[in-house]
Amino acid sequence: MEEFNNHQTMPELWSPLDHISLSILIIIEEEHIQEKKQTIVKNSEEGKNFINEFRNKLSSIDISYIFNSDVLEQIT
């Protein structure tokens, strides 16, 4: 069941500046995501095409801002 405008104030958390905390309930439902796996036959035309496409996409990535291992670790 979906609920909208579900919120409440919390008077026990009044601040000295006459403000009050607001609590908002956000429901996140679990969802099953099916994995998809695919096998490419070794030395096949499909495998060669995949490697060429992967190499082209990989070489087009701008890595000029990755100047040390710390930056790389933050990105990954």
C-alpha atoms as a PDB file:
ATOM      1  CA  MET A   1       0.000   0.000   0.000  1.00  0.00           C
ATOM      2  CA  GLU A   2       1.430   3.371  -0.996  1.00  0.00           C
ATOM      3  CA  GLU A   3       1.104   6.341   1.292  1.00  0.00           C
ATOM      4  CA  PHE A   4       1.733   9.942   0.360  1.00  0.00           C
ATOM      5  CA  ASN A   5       2.294  12.927   2.615  1.00  0.00           C
ATOM      6  CA  ASN A   6       3.272  10.635   5.451  1.00  0.00           C
ATOM      7  CA  HIS A   7       5.235  12.766   7.896  1.00  0.00           C
ATOM      8  CA  GLN A   8       5.237  13.726  11.528  1.00  0.00           C
ATOM      9  CA  THR A   9       6.733  16.374  13.757  1.00  0.00           C
ATOM     10  CA  MET A  10       8.730  15.412  16.809  1.00  0.00           C
ATOM     11  CA  PRO A  11       7.969  17.874  19.636  1.00  0.00           C
ATOM     12  CA  GLU A  12      10.458  16.180  21.968  1.00  0.00           C
ATOM     13  CA  LEU A  13      13.239  17.458  19.694  1.00  0.00           C
ATOM     14  CA  TRP A  14      12.421  21.186  19.925  1.00  0.00           C
ATOM     15  CA  SER A  15      15.494  23.331  19.587  1.00  0.00           C
ATOM     16  CA  PRO A  16      16.237  26.542  21.488  1.00  0.00           C
ATOM     17  CA  LEU A  17      15.586  28.504  18.273  1.00  0.00           C
ATOM     18  CA  ASP A  18      11.945  27.414  18.265  1.00  0.00           C
ATOM     19  CA  HIS A  19      12.475  24.911  15.452  1.00  0.00           C
ATOM     20  CA  ILE A  20      11.207  21.377  15.364  1.00  0.00           C
ATOM     21  CA  SER A  21      12.552  18.307  13.586  1.00  0.00           C
ATOM     22  CA  LEU A  22      10.484  16.792  10.835  1.00  0.00           C
ATOM     23  CA  SER A  23      10.507  13.064  10.247  1.00  0.00           C
ATOM     24  CA  ILE A  24       9.579  11.763   6.791  1.00  0.00           C
ATOM     25  CA  LEU A  25       8.967   8.092   6.088  1.00  0.00           C
ATOM     26  CA  ILE A  26      10.245   6.820   2.739  1.00  0.00           C
ATOM     27  CA  ILE A  27       9.442   3.198   1.962  1.00  0.00           C
ATOM     28  CA  ILE A  28      11.912   1.404  -0.297  1.00  0.00           C
ATOM     29  CA  GLU A  29      10.673  -1.940  -1.467  1.00  0.00           C
ATOM     30  CA  GLU A  30      13.060  -4.779  -2.216  1.00  0.00           C
ATOM     31  CA  GLU A  31      13.148  -5.753  -5.862  1.00  0.00           C
ATOM     32  CA  HIS A  32      14.671  -8.836  -7.416  1.00  0.00           C
ATOM     33  CA  ILE A  33      16.879  -8.062 -10.409  1.00  0.00           C
ATOM     34  CA  GLN A  34      17.595 -11.046 -12.592  1.00  0.00           C
ATOM     35  CA  GLU A  35      21.210 -11.462 -13.628  1.00  0.00           C
ATOM     36  CA  LYS A  36      22.032 -12.104 -17.235  1.00  0.00           C
ATOM     37  CA  LYS A  37      25.121 -14.040 -18.206  1.00  0.00           C
ATOM     38  CA  GLN A  38      26.353 -14.691 -21.707  1.00  0.00           C
ATOM     39  CA  THR A  39      29.202 -16.807 -22.992  1.00  0.00           C
ATOM     40  CA  ILE A  40      31.263 -16.003 -26.062  1.00  0.00           C
ATOM     41  CA  VAL A  41      32.990 -18.888 -27.777  1.00  0.00           C
ATOM     42  CA  LYS A  42      36.774 -18.572 -27.699  1.00  0.00           C
ATOM     43  CA  ASN A  43      38.345 -17.410 -31.010  1.00  0.00           C
ATOM     44  CA  SER A  44      34.919 -16.812 -32.570  1.00  0.00           C
ATOM     45  CA  GLU A  45      34.036 -13.830 -34.754  1.00  0.00           C
ATOM     46  CA  GLU A  46      31.683 -12.640 -32.017  1.00  0.00           C
ATOM     47  CA  GLY A  47      34.574 -12.773 -29.522  1.00  0.00           C
ATOM     48  CA  LYS A  48      36.856 -10.791 -31.812  1.00  0.00           C
ATOM     49  CA  ASN A  49      34.138  -8.160 -32.359  1.00  0.00           C
ATOM     50  CA  PHE A  50      33.546  -7.911 -28.612  1.00  0.00           C
ATOM     51  CA  ILE A  51      37.260  -7.406 -27.877  1.00  0.00           C
ATOM     52  CA  ASN A  52      37.588  -4.759 -30.620  1.00  0.00           C
ATOM     53  CA  GLU A  53      34.509  -2.869 -29.406  1.00  0.00           C
ATOM     54  CA  PHE A  54      35.680  -3.096 -25.779  1.00  0.00           C
ATOM     55  CA  ARG A  55      39.166  -1.846 -26.692  1.00  0.00           C
ATOM     56  CA  ASN A  56      37.710   1.095 -28.666  1.00  0.00           C
ATOM     57  CA  LYS A  57      35.408   2.117 -25.815  1.00  0.00           C
ATOM     58  CA  LEU A  58      38.163   1.715 -23.236  1.00  0.00           C
ATOM     59  CA  SER A  59      40.595   3.831 -25.239  1.00  0.00           C
ATOM     60  CA  SER A  60      38.036   6.651 -25.532  1.00  0.00           C
ATOM     61  CA  ILE A  61      37.801   7.126 -21.741  1.00  0.00           C
ATOM     62  CA  ASP A  62      39.456  10.343 -20.547  1.00  0.00           C
ATOM     63  CA  ILE A  63      41.944   9.337 -17.847  1.00  0.00           C
ATOM     64  CA  SER A  64      43.998  12.542 -17.835  1.00  0.00           C
ATOM     65  CA  TYR A  65      42.637  13.482 -14.391  1.00  0.00           C
ATOM     66  CA  ILE A  66      43.768  10.157 -12.831  1.00  0.00           C
ATOM     67  CA  PHE A  67      47.251  11.209 -11.803  1.00  0.00           C
ATOM     68  CA  ASN A  68      47.890   8.815  -8.902  1.00  0.00           C
ATOM     69  CA  SER A  69      46.598   5.648  -7.262  1.00  0.00           C
ATOM     70  CA  ASP A  70      44.630   7.579  -4.623  1.00  0.00           C
ATOM     71  CA  VAL A  71      42.506   9.284  -7.277  1.00  0.00           C
ATOM     72  CA  LEU A  72      41.968   5.963  -9.028  1.00  0.00           C
ATOM     73  CA  GLU A  73      40.865   4.364  -5.765  1.00  0.00           C
ATOM     74  CA  GLN A  74      38.382   7.184  -5.098  1.00  0.00           C
ATOM     75  CA  ILE A  75      36.880   6.766  -8.574  1.00  0.00           C
ATOM     76  CA  THR A  76      36.514   3.030  -8.304  1.00  0.00           C
END
